[in-house]
PDB file of all heavy atoms in Angstrom:
ATOM      1  N   PRO A   1       0.783  -1.163   0.000  1.00  0.00           N
ATOM      2  CA  PRO A   1       0.036  -0.051   0.028  1.00  0.00           C
ATOM      3  C   PRO A   1       0.819   1.288   0.006  1.00  0.00           C
ATOM      4  O   PRO A   1       1.979   1.295   0.368  1.00  0.00           O
ATOM      5  CB  PRO A   1      -0.762  -0.147   1.287  1.00  0.00           C
ATOM      6  CG  PRO A   1       0.012  -1.051   2.104  1.00  0.00           C
ATOM      7  CD  PRO A   1       0.666  -1.979   1.261  1.00  0.00           C
ATOM      8  N   ILE A   2       0.243   2.369  -0.487  1.00  0.00           N
ATOM      9  CA  ILE A   2       0.879   3.652  -0.418  1.00  0.00           C
ATOM     10  C   ILE A   2       0.243   4.441   0.616  1.00  0.00           C
ATOM     11  O   ILE A   2      -1.007   4.696   0.657  1.00  0.00           O
ATOM     12  CB  ILE A   2       0.732   4.343  -1.779  1.00  0.00           C
ATOM     13  CG1 ILE A   2       1.283   3.521  -2.909  1.00  0.00           C
ATOM     14  CG2 ILE A   2       1.409   5.734  -1.781  1.00  0.00           C
ATOM     15  CD1 ILE A   2       1.025   4.000  -4.312  1.00  0.00           C
ATOM     16  N   TYR A   3       0.961   4.880   1.631  1.00  0.00           N
ATOM     17  CA  TYR A   3       0.348   5.507   2.836  1.00  0.00           C
ATOM     18  C   TYR A   3       0.062   6.942   2.489  1.00  0.00           C
ATOM     19  O   TYR A   3       0.712   7.616   1.590  1.00  0.00           O
ATOM     20  CB  TYR A   3       1.304   5.374   4.005  1.00  0.00           C
ATOM     21  CG  TYR A   3       1.787   3.987   4.331  1.00  0.00           C
ATOM     22  CD1 TYR A   3       3.075   3.701   4.625  1.00  0.00           C
ATOM     23  CD2 TYR A   3       0.819   2.966   4.403  1.00  0.00           C
ATOM     24  CE1 TYR A   3       3.497   2.344   4.939  1.00  0.00           C
ATOM     25  CE2 TYR A   3       1.221   1.684   4.643  1.00  0.00           C
ATOM     26  CZ  TYR A   3       2.534   1.383   4.910  1.00  0.00           C
ATOM     27  OH  TYR A   3       2.924   0.091   5.214  1.00  0.00           O
ATOM     28  N   ASP A   4      -0.903   7.471   3.150  1.00  0.00           N
ATOM     29  CA  ASP A   4      -1.318   8.901   3.003  1.00  0.00           C
ATOM     30  C   ASP A   4      -0.141   9.839   3.076  1.00  0.00           C
ATOM     31  O   ASP A   4       0.598   9.800   4.092  1.00  0.00           O
ATOM     32  CB  ASP A   4      -2.396   9.278   4.030  1.00  0.00           C
ATOM     33  CG  ASP A   4      -3.721   8.639   3.799  1.00  0.00           C
ATOM     34  OD1 ASP A   4      -3.864   8.026   2.664  1.00  0.00           O
ATOM     35  OD2 ASP A   4      -4.640   8.755   4.623  1.00  0.00           O
ATOM     36  N   GLY A   5       0.004  10.643   2.103  1.00  0.00           N
ATOM     37  CA  GLY A   5       1.091  11.600   2.064  1.00  0.00           C
ATOM     38  C   GLY A   5       2.603  11.083   1.744  1.00  0.00           C
ATOM     39  O   GLY A   5       3.490  11.838   1.776  1.00  0.00           O
ATOM     40  N   ALA A   6       2.580   9.857   1.376  1.00  0.00           N
ATOM     41  CA  ALA A   6       3.890   9.243   1.080  1.00  0.00           C
ATOM     42  C   ALA A   6       4.062   8.919  -0.337  1.00  0.00           C
ATOM     43  O   ALA A   6       3.067   8.736  -1.118  1.00  0.00           O
ATOM     44  CB  ALA A   6       3.994   7.919   1.869  1.00  0.00           C
ATOM     45  N   ASN A   7       5.303   8.808  -0.779  1.00  0.00           N
ATOM     46  CA  ASN A   7       5.618   8.291  -2.178  1.00  0.00           C
ATOM     47  C   ASN A   7       5.362   6.775  -2.221  1.00  0.00           C
ATOM     48  O   ASN A   7       5.478   6.138  -1.203  1.00  0.00           O
ATOM     49  CB  ASN A   7       7.034   8.584  -2.484  1.00  0.00           C
ATOM     50  CG  ASN A   7       7.333  10.072  -2.481  1.00  0.00           C
ATOM     51  OD1 ASN A   7       6.531  10.925  -2.763  1.00  0.00           O
ATOM     52  ND2 ASN A   7       8.631  10.383  -2.107  1.00  0.00           N
ATOM     53  N   SER A   8       5.078   6.356  -3.366  1.00  0.00           N
ATOM     54  CA  SER A   8       5.026   4.815  -3.591  1.00  0.00           C
ATOM     55  C   SER A   8       6.476   4.262  -3.362  1.00  0.00           C
ATOM     56  O   SER A   8       7.416   4.721  -3.872  1.00  0.00           O
ATOM     57  CB  SER A   8       4.672   4.498  -4.984  1.00  0.00           C
ATOM     58  OG  SER A   8       4.692   3.143  -5.214  1.00  0.00           O
ATOM     59  N   GLN A   9       6.531   3.201  -2.602  1.00  0.00           N
ATOM     60  CA  GLN A   9       7.749   2.425  -2.296  1.00  0.00           C
ATOM     61  C   GLN A   9       7.844   1.158  -3.012  1.00  0.00           C
ATOM     62  O   GLN A   9       8.647   0.288  -2.765  1.00  0.00           O
ATOM     63  CB  GLN A   9       7.894   2.290  -0.756  1.00  0.00           C
ATOM     64  CG  GLN A   9       7.991   3.530  -0.064  1.00  0.00           C
ATOM     65  CD  GLN A   9       9.107   4.483  -0.471  1.00  0.00           C
ATOM     66  OE1 GLN A   9      10.219   4.048  -0.699  1.00  0.00           O
ATOM     67  NE2 GLN A   9       8.805   5.741  -0.660  1.00  0.00           N
ATOM     68  N   ARG A  10       6.849   0.967  -3.979  1.00  0.00           N
ATOM     69  CA  ARG A  10       6.745  -0.327  -4.757  1.00  0.00           C
ATOM     70  C   ARG A  10       7.979  -0.416  -5.647  1.00  0.00           C
ATOM     71  O   ARG A  10       8.545   0.537  -6.189  1.00  0.00           O
ATOM     72  CB  ARG A  10       5.480  -0.330  -5.505  1.00  0.00           C
ATOM     73  CG  ARG A  10       4.228  -0.428  -4.742  1.00  0.00           C
ATOM     74  CD  ARG A  10       2.932  -0.241  -5.517  1.00  0.00           C
ATOM     75  NE  ARG A  10       1.778  -0.436  -4.716  1.00  0.00           N
ATOM     76  CZ  ARG A  10       0.532  -0.140  -5.110  1.00  0.00           C
ATOM     77  NH1 ARG A  10       0.364   0.331  -6.327  1.00  0.00           N
ATOM     78  NH2 ARG A  10      -0.483  -0.214  -4.278  1.00  0.00           N
ATOM     79  N   LEU A  11       8.403  -1.633  -5.754  1.00  0.00           N
ATOM     80  CA  LEU A  11       9.519  -1.993  -6.750  1.00  0.00           C
ATOM     81  C   LEU A  11       9.037  -2.564  -7.999  1.00  0.00           C
ATOM     82  O   LEU A  11       7.916  -3.112  -8.136  1.00  0.00           O
ATOM     83  CB  LEU A  11      10.433  -2.931  -5.973  1.00  0.00           C
ATOM     84  CG  LEU A  11      11.017  -2.470  -4.606  1.00  0.00           C
ATOM     85  CD1 LEU A  11      11.973  -3.570  -4.130  1.00  0.00           C
ATOM     86  CD2 LEU A  11      11.776  -1.195  -4.766  1.00  0.00           C
ATOM     87  N   THR A  12       9.941  -2.581  -8.988  1.00  0.00           N
ATOM     88  CA  THR A  12       9.620  -3.391 -10.227  1.00  0.00           C
ATOM     89  C   THR A  12      10.018  -4.847  -9.973  1.00  0.00           C
ATOM     90  O   THR A  12      10.683  -5.205  -8.918  1.00  0.00           O
ATOM     91  CB  THR A  12      10.450  -2.846 -11.358  1.00  0.00           C
ATOM     92  OG1 THR A  12      11.891  -3.149 -11.127  1.00  0.00           O
ATOM     93  CG2 THR A  12      10.272  -1.394 -11.583  1.00  0.00           C
ATOM     94  N   LEU A  13       9.619  -5.684 -10.791  1.00  0.00           N
ATOM     95  CA  LEU A  13       9.844  -7.189 -10.621  1.00  0.00           C
ATOM     96  C   LEU A  13      11.304  -7.414 -10.608  1.00  0.00           C
ATOM     97  O   LEU A  13      11.894  -8.055  -9.742  1.00  0.00           O
ATOM     98  CB  LEU A  13       9.205  -7.991 -11.798  1.00  0.00           C
ATOM     99  CG  LEU A  13       9.650  -9.429 -11.747  1.00  0.00           C
ATOM    100  CD1 LEU A  13       9.111 -10.148 -10.464  1.00  0.00           C
ATOM    101  CD2 LEU A  13       9.035 -10.197 -13.009  1.00  0.00           C
ATOM    102  N   HIS A  14      12.080  -6.732 -11.537  1.00  0.00           N
ATOM    103  CA  HIS A  14      13.523  -7.029 -11.599  1.00  0.00           C
ATOM    104  C   HIS A  14      14.243  -6.386 -10.402  1.00  0.00           C
ATOM    105  O   HIS A  14      15.280  -6.991  -9.941  1.00  0.00           O
ATOM    106  CB  HIS A  14      14.039  -6.638 -12.935  1.00  0.00           C
ATOM    107  CG  HIS A  14      13.764  -7.582 -13.998  1.00  0.00           C
ATOM    108  ND1 HIS A  14      14.783  -8.490 -14.388  1.00  0.00           N
ATOM    109  CD2 HIS A  14      12.742  -7.845 -14.760  1.00  0.00           C
ATOM    110  CE1 HIS A  14      14.214  -9.303 -15.338  1.00  0.00           C
ATOM    111  NE2 HIS A  14      12.994  -8.851 -15.492  1.00  0.00           N
ATOM    112  N   GLU A  15      13.800  -5.278  -9.891  1.00  0.00           N
ATOM    113  CA  GLU A  15      14.399  -4.769  -8.621  1.00  0.00           C
ATOM    114  C   GLU A  15      14.202  -5.663  -7.444  1.00  0.00           C
ATOM    115  O   GLU A  15      15.013  -5.927  -6.620  1.00  0.00           O
ATOM    116  CB  GLU A  15      13.835  -3.401  -8.314  1.00  0.00           C
ATOM    117  CG  GLU A  15      14.258  -2.294  -9.279  1.00  0.00           C
ATOM    118  CD  GLU A  15      13.445  -1.031  -9.144  1.00  0.00           C
ATOM    119  OE1 GLU A  15      12.302  -1.058  -8.635  1.00  0.00           O
ATOM    120  OE2 GLU A  15      13.952   0.016  -9.535  1.00  0.00           O
ATOM    121  N   ALA A  16      12.958  -6.268  -7.414  1.00  0.00           N
ATOM    122  CA  ALA A  16      12.693  -7.243  -6.284  1.00  0.00           C
ATOM    123  C   ALA A  16      13.602  -8.534  -6.447  1.00  0.00           C
ATOM    124  O   ALA A  16      14.086  -9.017  -5.433  1.00  0.00           O
ATOM    125  CB  ALA A  16      11.225  -7.598  -6.230  1.00  0.00           C
ATOM    126  N   LEU A  17      13.661  -9.039  -7.706  1.00  0.00           N
ATOM    127  CA  LEU A  17      14.468 -10.234  -7.916  1.00  0.00           C
ATOM    128  C   LEU A  17      15.948  -9.911  -7.550  1.00  0.00           C
ATOM    129  O   LEU A  17      16.640 -10.778  -6.975  1.00  0.00           O
ATOM    130  CB  LEU A  17      14.445 -10.655  -9.389  1.00  0.00           C
ATOM    131  CG  LEU A  17      13.062 -11.231  -9.803  1.00  0.00           C
ATOM    132  CD1 LEU A  17      13.082 -11.559 -11.295  1.00  0.00           C
ATOM    133  CD2 LEU A  17      12.653 -12.477  -8.987  1.00  0.00           C
ATOM    134  N   ALA A  18      16.442  -8.694  -7.875  1.00  0.00           N
ATOM    135  CA  ALA A  18      17.846  -8.342  -7.471  1.00  0.00           C
ATOM    136  C   ALA A  18      17.954  -8.294  -5.984  1.00  0.00           C
ATOM    137  O   ALA A  18      19.036  -8.704  -5.459  1.00  0.00           O
ATOM    138  CB  ALA A  18      18.162  -6.982  -8.133  1.00  0.00           C
ATOM    139  N   GLY A  19      16.909  -7.899  -5.259  1.00  0.00           N
ATOM    140  CA  GLY A  19      16.957  -7.859  -3.822  1.00  0.00           C
ATOM    141  C   GLY A  19      17.248  -9.213  -3.179  1.00  0.00           C
ATOM    142  O   GLY A  19      17.764  -9.360  -2.086  1.00  0.00           O
ATOM    143  N   TYR A  20      16.785 -10.302  -3.884  1.00  0.00           N
ATOM    144  CA  TYR A  20      17.028 -11.698  -3.442  1.00  0.00           C
ATOM    145  C   TYR A  20      18.157 -12.316  -4.047  1.00  0.00           C
ATOM    146  O   TYR A  20      18.483 -13.543  -3.779  1.00  0.00           O
ATOM    147  CB  TYR A  20      15.715 -12.474  -3.726  1.00  0.00           C
ATOM    148  CG  TYR A  20      14.639 -12.124  -2.820  1.00  0.00           C
ATOM    149  CD1 TYR A  20      13.542 -11.402  -3.183  1.00  0.00           C
ATOM    150  CD2 TYR A  20      14.637 -12.740  -1.465  1.00  0.00           C
ATOM    151  CE1 TYR A  20      12.476 -11.210  -2.282  1.00  0.00           C
ATOM    152  CE2 TYR A  20      13.491 -12.515  -0.578  1.00  0.00           C
ATOM    153  CZ  TYR A  20      12.470 -11.712  -0.989  1.00  0.00           C
ATOM    154  OH  TYR A  20      11.492 -11.518  -0.144  1.00  0.00           O
ATOM    155  N   THR A  21      18.929 -11.697  -4.967  1.00  0.00           N
ATOM    156  CA  THR A  21      19.987 -12.340  -5.639  1.00  0.00           C
ATOM    157  C   THR A  21      21.277 -11.502  -5.631  1.00  0.00           C
ATOM    158  O   THR A  21      22.118 -11.606  -4.744  1.00  0.00           O
ATOM    159  CB  THR A  21      19.596 -12.676  -7.179  1.00  0.00           C
ATOM    160  OG1 THR A  21      19.087 -11.500  -7.837  1.00  0.00           O
ATOM    161  CG2 THR A  21      18.513 -13.693  -7.205  1.00  0.00           C
ATOM    162  N   THR A  22      21.455 -10.532  -6.633  1.00  0.00           N
ATOM    163  CA  THR A  22      22.659  -9.818  -6.716  1.00  0.00           C
ATOM    164  C   THR A  22      22.905  -8.927  -5.478  1.00  0.00           C
ATOM    165  O   THR A  22      24.081  -8.827  -5.031  1.00  0.00           O
ATOM    166  CB  THR A  22      22.636  -8.927  -7.950  1.00  0.00           C
ATOM    167  OG1 THR A  22      21.444  -8.153  -8.071  1.00  0.00           O
ATOM    168  CG2 THR A  22      22.762  -9.805  -9.235  1.00  0.00           C
ATOM    169  N   ALA A  23      21.861  -8.303  -5.029  1.00  0.00           N
ATOM    170  CA  ALA A  23      22.019  -7.391  -3.837  1.00  0.00           C
ATOM    171  C   ALA A  23      22.387  -8.246  -2.577  1.00  0.00           C
ATOM    172  O   ALA A  23      23.182  -7.805  -1.766  1.00  0.00           O
ATOM    173  CB  ALA A  23      20.773  -6.639  -3.570  1.00  0.00           C
ATOM    174  N   GLY A  24      21.725  -9.422  -2.504  1.00  0.00           N
ATOM    175  CA  GLY A  24      22.094 -10.226  -1.351  1.00  0.00           C
ATOM    176  C   GLY A  24      23.497 -10.765  -1.396  1.00  0.00           C
ATOM    177  O   GLY A  24      24.196 -10.778  -0.361  1.00  0.00           O
ATOM    178  N   ALA A  25      24.074 -11.099  -2.585  1.00  0.00           N
ATOM    179  CA  ALA A  25      25.453 -11.464  -2.678  1.00  0.00           C
ATOM    180  C   ALA A  25      26.358 -10.231  -2.311  1.00  0.00           C
ATOM    181  O   ALA A  25      27.401 -10.463  -1.716  1.00  0.00           O
ATOM    182  CB  ALA A  25      25.744 -11.956  -4.073  1.00  0.00           C
ATOM    183  N   TYR A  26      26.036  -9.095  -2.845  1.00  0.00           N
ATOM    184  CA  TYR A  26      26.816  -7.872  -2.513  1.00  0.00           C
ATOM    185  C   TYR A  26      26.875  -7.718  -0.976  1.00  0.00           C
ATOM    186  O   TYR A  26      27.998  -7.440  -0.383  1.00  0.00           O
ATOM    187  CB  TYR A  26      26.239  -6.609  -3.131  1.00  0.00           C
ATOM    188  CG  TYR A  26      26.920  -5.397  -2.781  1.00  0.00           C
ATOM    189  CD1 TYR A  26      28.039  -4.989  -3.404  1.00  0.00           C
ATOM    190  CD2 TYR A  26      26.490  -4.602  -1.682  1.00  0.00           C
ATOM    191  CE1 TYR A  26      28.725  -3.792  -3.081  1.00  0.00           C
ATOM    192  CE2 TYR A  26      27.127  -3.417  -1.307  1.00  0.00           C
ATOM    193  CZ  TYR A  26      28.290  -3.074  -2.036  1.00  0.00           C
ATOM    194  OH  TYR A  26      28.914  -1.888  -1.639  1.00  0.00           O
ATOM    195  N   ALA A  27      25.724  -7.843  -0.300  1.00  0.00           N
ATOM    196  CA  ALA A  27      25.741  -7.641   1.119  1.00  0.00           C
ATOM    197  C   ALA A  27      26.574  -8.621   1.874  1.00  0.00           C
ATOM    198  O   ALA A  27      27.073  -8.365   2.969  1.00  0.00           O
ATOM    199  CB  ALA A  27      24.297  -7.683   1.633  1.00  0.00           C
ATOM    200  N   GLU A  28      26.823  -9.789   1.294  1.00  0.00           N
ATOM    201  CA  GLU A  28      27.602 -10.881   1.866  1.00  0.00           C
ATOM    202  C   GLU A  28      29.128 -10.712   1.468  1.00  0.00           C
ATOM    203  O   GLU A  28      29.910 -11.588   1.943  1.00  0.00           O
ATOM    204  CB  GLU A  28      27.152 -12.237   1.430  1.00  0.00           C
ATOM    205  CG  GLU A  28      25.941 -12.797   1.977  1.00  0.00           C
ATOM    206  CD  GLU A  28      25.795 -14.279   1.472  1.00  0.00           C
ATOM    207  OE1 GLU A  28      26.649 -14.764   0.841  1.00  0.00           O
ATOM    208  OE2 GLU A  28      24.702 -14.844   1.809  1.00  0.00           O
ATOM    209  N   HIS A  29      29.499  -9.844   0.631  1.00  0.00           N
ATOM    210  CA  HIS A  29      30.843  -9.796   0.008  1.00  0.00           C
ATOM    211  C   HIS A  29      31.075 -11.110  -0.795  1.00  0.00           C
ATOM    212  O   HIS A  29      32.225 -11.522  -0.952  1.00  0.00           O
ATOM    213  CB  HIS A  29      31.952  -9.748   1.148  1.00  0.00           C
ATOM    214  CG  HIS A  29      32.044  -8.328   1.834  1.00  0.00           C
ATOM    215  ND1 HIS A  29      31.341  -8.102   2.912  1.00  0.00           N
ATOM    216  CD2 HIS A  29      32.770  -7.350   1.545  1.00  0.00           C
ATOM    217  CE1 HIS A  29      31.645  -6.855   3.291  1.00  0.00           C
ATOM    218  NE2 HIS A  29      32.501  -6.373   2.464  1.00  0.00           N
ATOM    219  N   THR A  30      29.996 -11.667  -1.407  1.00  0.00           N
ATOM    220  CA  THR A  30      30.234 -12.837  -2.268  1.00  0.00           C
ATOM    221  C   THR A  30      29.780 -12.548  -3.711  1.00  0.00           C
ATOM    222  O   THR A  30      29.531 -13.475  -4.490  1.00  0.00           O
ATOM    223  CB  THR A  30      29.454 -14.010  -1.759  1.00  0.00           C
ATOM    224  OG1 THR A  30      28.026 -13.716  -1.543  1.00  0.00           O
ATOM    225  CG2 THR A  30      29.997 -14.430  -0.317  1.00  0.00           C
ATOM    226  N   ASP A  31      29.753 -11.301  -4.115  1.00  0.00           N
ATOM    227  CA  ASP A  31      29.197 -11.001  -5.422  1.00  0.00           C
ATOM    228  C   ASP A  31      30.147 -11.368  -6.525  1.00  0.00           C
ATOM    229  O   ASP A  31      29.863 -11.228  -7.685  1.00  0.00           O
ATOM    230  CB  ASP A  31      28.765  -9.515  -5.525  1.00  0.00           C
ATOM    231  CG  ASP A  31      29.835  -8.499  -4.899  1.00  0.00           C
ATOM    232  OD1 ASP A  31      30.416  -8.806  -3.820  1.00  0.00           O
ATOM    233  OD2 ASP A  31      30.085  -7.482  -5.514  1.00  0.00           O
ATOM    234  N   ASP A  32      31.423 -11.814  -6.147  1.00  0.00           N
ATOM    235  CA  ASP A  32      32.291 -12.246  -7.143  1.00  0.00           C
ATOM    236  C   ASP A  32      32.134 -13.764  -7.548  1.00  0.00           C
ATOM    237  O   ASP A  32      32.752 -14.222  -8.444  1.00  0.00           O
ATOM    238  CB  ASP A  32      33.765 -12.052  -6.748  1.00  0.00           C
ATOM    239  CG  ASP A  32      34.107 -12.840  -5.485  1.00  0.00           C
ATOM    240  OD1 ASP A  32      33.100 -13.292  -4.739  1.00  0.00           O
ATOM    241  OD2 ASP A  32      35.309 -13.083  -5.151  1.00  0.00           O
ATOM    242  N   ARG A  33      31.175 -14.412  -6.907  1.00  0.00           N
ATOM    243  CA  ARG A  33      30.884 -15.845  -7.172  1.00  0.00           C
ATOM    244  C   ARG A  33      29.444 -16.248  -6.917  1.00  0.00           C
ATOM    245  O   ARG A  33      29.192 -17.395  -6.950  1.00  0.00           O
ATOM    246  CB  ARG A  33      31.878 -16.646  -6.359  1.00  0.00           C
ATOM    247  CG  ARG A  33      31.733 -16.424  -4.790  1.00  0.00           C
ATOM    248  CD  ARG A  33      32.918 -17.073  -4.065  1.00  0.00           C
ATOM    249  NE  ARG A  33      32.825 -16.921  -2.630  1.00  0.00           N
ATOM    250  CZ  ARG A  33      33.212 -15.856  -1.956  1.00  0.00           C
ATOM    251  NH1 ARG A  33      33.646 -14.774  -2.567  1.00  0.00           N
ATOM    252  NH2 ARG A  33      33.144 -15.835  -0.640  1.00  0.00           N
ATOM    253  N   LYS A  34      28.628 -15.294  -6.648  1.00  0.00           N
ATOM    254  CA  LYS A  34      27.261 -15.731  -6.212  1.00  0.00           C
ATOM    255  C   LYS A  34      26.242 -14.605  -6.632  1.00  0.00           C
ATOM    256  O   LYS A  34      26.644 -13.458  -6.876  1.00  0.00           O
ATOM    257  CB  LYS A  34      27.213 -15.880  -4.737  1.00  0.00           C
ATOM    258  CG  LYS A  34      25.896 -16.578  -4.145  1.00  0.00           C
ATOM    259  CD  LYS A  34      25.834 -16.459  -2.663  1.00  0.00           C
ATOM    260  CE  LYS A  34      26.871 -17.272  -1.927  1.00  0.00           C
ATOM    261  NZ  LYS A  34      26.651 -17.201  -0.419  1.00  0.00           N
ATOM    262  N   GLY A  35      25.003 -14.997  -6.798  1.00  0.00           N
ATOM    263  CA  GLY A  35      23.963 -13.996  -7.168  1.00  0.00           C
ATOM    264  C   GLY A  35      23.635 -13.875  -8.696  1.00  0.00           C
ATOM    265  O   GLY A  35      22.661 -13.158  -9.010  1.00  0.00           O
ATOM    266  N   MET A  36      24.447 -14.528  -9.507  1.00  0.00           N
ATOM    267  CA  MET A  36      24.195 -14.470 -10.963  1.00  0.00           C
ATOM    268  C   MET A  36      24.381 -15.885 -11.538  1.00  0.00           C
ATOM    269  O   MET A  36      25.106 -16.656 -10.928  1.00  0.00           O
ATOM    270  CB  MET A  36      25.212 -13.530 -11.642  1.00  0.00           C
ATOM    271  CG  MET A  36      25.252 -12.070 -11.250  1.00  0.00           C
ATOM    272  SD  MET A  36      26.434 -11.238 -12.295  1.00  0.00           S
ATOM    273  CE  MET A  36      26.503  -9.677 -11.322  1.00  0.00           C
TER     274      MET A  36
END
């Protein structure tokens, strides 16, 4: 939902997929071998 007075915080599909893959690997310092 978009709260009253707030910007939409919705993501695109590929942004959400990145949140579970490439971004997760980056956060782990494993993006040189994981997430793709």
